[in-house]
């Protein structure tokens, strides 16, 4: 996103960009167009985002993280939380827990 676009945003949109790296409208569009979201649901989509953030943190550059690496991971975690709150909790959509069978 360029500076001119950012300057034309409302204060609420700027706050969203600082928290998520994009606006809520942009995020909603990306989530709802995602095949992961469509076929596996919001919980698995959020889990995927958290896994991506975990990988970003795991691959540091020689023991030091740049501000942008930390910021990208933070925003990704915020996006995962937004998906959970907006889709999974709000609509009470949950992925069933895996079942285990005891074989004796």
Protein backbone atom coordinates (compact mmCIF):
# COMPACT_ATOMS: atom_id res chain seq x y z
CA UNK A 1 0.00 0.00 0.00
CA UNK A 2 1.44 3.35 -0.94
CA UNK A 3 1.54 6.45 1.22
CA UNK A 4 -1.05 8.34 -0.82
CA UNK A 5 -3.60 5.53 -0.42
CA UNK A 6 -2.91 5.37 3.32
CA UNK A 7 -3.35 9.14 3.68
CA UNK A 8 -6.78 8.97 2.03
CA UNK A 9 -8.08 6.42 4.54
CA UNK A 10 -10.26 7.18 7.51
CA UNK A 11 -8.76 6.97 11.00
CA UNK A 12 -10.56 3.65 11.53
CA UNK A 13 -9.09 2.22 8.33
CA UNK A 14 -5.60 3.38 9.30
CA UNK A 15 -6.00 1.66 12.65
CA UNK A 16 -7.06 -1.54 10.86
CA UNK A 17 -3.98 -1.36 8.62
CA UNK A 18 -1.73 -0.96 11.67
CA UNK A 19 -3.38 -3.94 13.39
CA UNK A 20 -3.89 -6.32 10.48
CA UNK A 21 -1.76 -5.05 7.58
CA UNK A 22 -4.94 -4.32 5.60
CA UNK A 23 -8.45 -3.04 6.16
CA UNK A 24 -11.18 -5.28 7.57
CA UNK A 25 -13.00 -5.10 4.23
CA UNK A 26 -9.88 -6.28 2.40
CA UNK A 27 -9.36 -9.02 4.95
CA UNK A 28 -13.00 -10.19 4.77
CA UNK A 29 -12.75 -10.40 0.98
CA UNK A 30 -9.50 -12.37 1.13
CA UNK A 31 -10.85 -14.76 3.78
CA UNK A 32 -14.13 -15.46 2.01
CA UNK A 33 -12.39 -16.08 -1.32
CA UNK A 34 -9.93 -18.51 0.26
CA UNK A 35 -10.32 -22.18 -0.65
CA UNK A 36 -9.10 -23.14 2.83
CA UNK A 37 -11.91 -21.11 4.38
CA UNK A 38 -14.52 -22.46 1.96
CA UNK A 39 -13.63 -26.12 2.35
CA UNK A 40 -12.40 -26.40 5.94
CA UNK A 41 -13.96 -23.46 7.75
CA UNK A 42 -12.81 -20.55 9.87
CA UNK A 43 -11.03 -22.51 12.58
CA UNK A 44 -8.71 -24.24 10.12
CA UNK A 45 -8.17 -20.96 8.26
CA UNK A 46 -7.12 -19.26 11.50
CA UNK A 47 -4.91 -22.23 12.36
CA UNK A 48 -3.20 -21.86 9.00
CA UNK A 49 -2.51 -18.18 9.70
CA UNK A 50 -1.07 -19.03 13.11
CA UNK A 51 1.16 -21.69 11.56
CA UNK A 52 2.42 -19.14 9.05
CA UNK A 53 3.18 -16.67 11.86
CA UNK A 54 4.98 -19.41 13.75
CA UNK A 55 7.14 -20.15 10.71
CA UNK A 56 7.95 -16.45 10.32
CA UNK A 57 9.17 -16.34 13.91
CA UNK A 58 11.08 -19.62 13.63
CA UNK A 59 13.23 -18.45 10.71
CA UNK A 60 15.10 -15.49 12.12
CA UNK A 61 18.23 -14.04 10.58
CA UNK A 62 21.13 -15.00 12.82
CA UNK A 63 19.42 -14.57 16.15
CA UNK A 64 18.01 -11.11 15.54
CA UNK A 65 14.61 -10.23 14.18
CA UNK A 66 13.95 -7.18 12.10
CA UNK A 67 11.10 -4.87 13.05
CA UNK A 68 9.26 -5.89 9.88
CA UNK A 69 9.54 -9.63 10.67
CA UNK A 70 8.05 -9.07 14.11
CA UNK A 71 5.40 -6.70 12.75
CA UNK A 72 4.37 -9.14 9.99
CA UNK A 73 4.03 -12.00 12.49
CA UNK A 74 2.08 -9.79 14.91
CA UNK A 75 -0.33 -8.70 12.18
CA UNK A 76 -0.80 -12.31 11.06
CA UNK A 77 -1.69 -13.35 14.61
CA UNK A 78 -4.16 -10.45 14.76
CA UNK A 79 -5.73 -11.63 11.48
CA UNK A 80 -6.13 -15.14 12.91
CA UNK A 81 -7.82 -13.73 16.03
CA UNK A 82 -10.11 -11.62 13.84
CA UNK A 83 -11.15 -14.69 11.84
CA UNK A 84 -11.90 -16.61 15.03
CA UNK A 85 -13.92 -13.78 16.56
CA UNK A 86 -15.71 -12.79 13.35
CA UNK A 87 -16.54 -16.21 11.98
CA UNK A 88 -16.01 -19.03 14.45
CA UNK A 89 -17.13 -17.54 17.75
CA UNK A 90 -19.71 -15.11 16.39
CA UNK A 91 -21.44 -17.85 14.42
CA UNK A 92 -20.55 -20.68 16.82
CA UNK A 93 -18.85 -22.59 14.04
CA UNK A 94 -16.43 -25.09 15.45
CA UNK A 95 -14.38 -27.80 13.87
CA UNK A 96 -15.17 -31.10 15.56
CA UNK A 97 -12.43 -32.50 17.72
CA UNK A 98 -10.78 -35.59 16.31
CA UNK A 99 -12.14 -38.77 17.77
CA UNK A 100 -9.95 -41.53 19.08
CA UNK A 101 -10.92 -45.12 19.33
CA UNK A 102 -9.45 -47.46 21.87
CA UNK A 103 -8.67 -50.80 20.33
CA UNK A 104 -8.31 -53.57 22.86
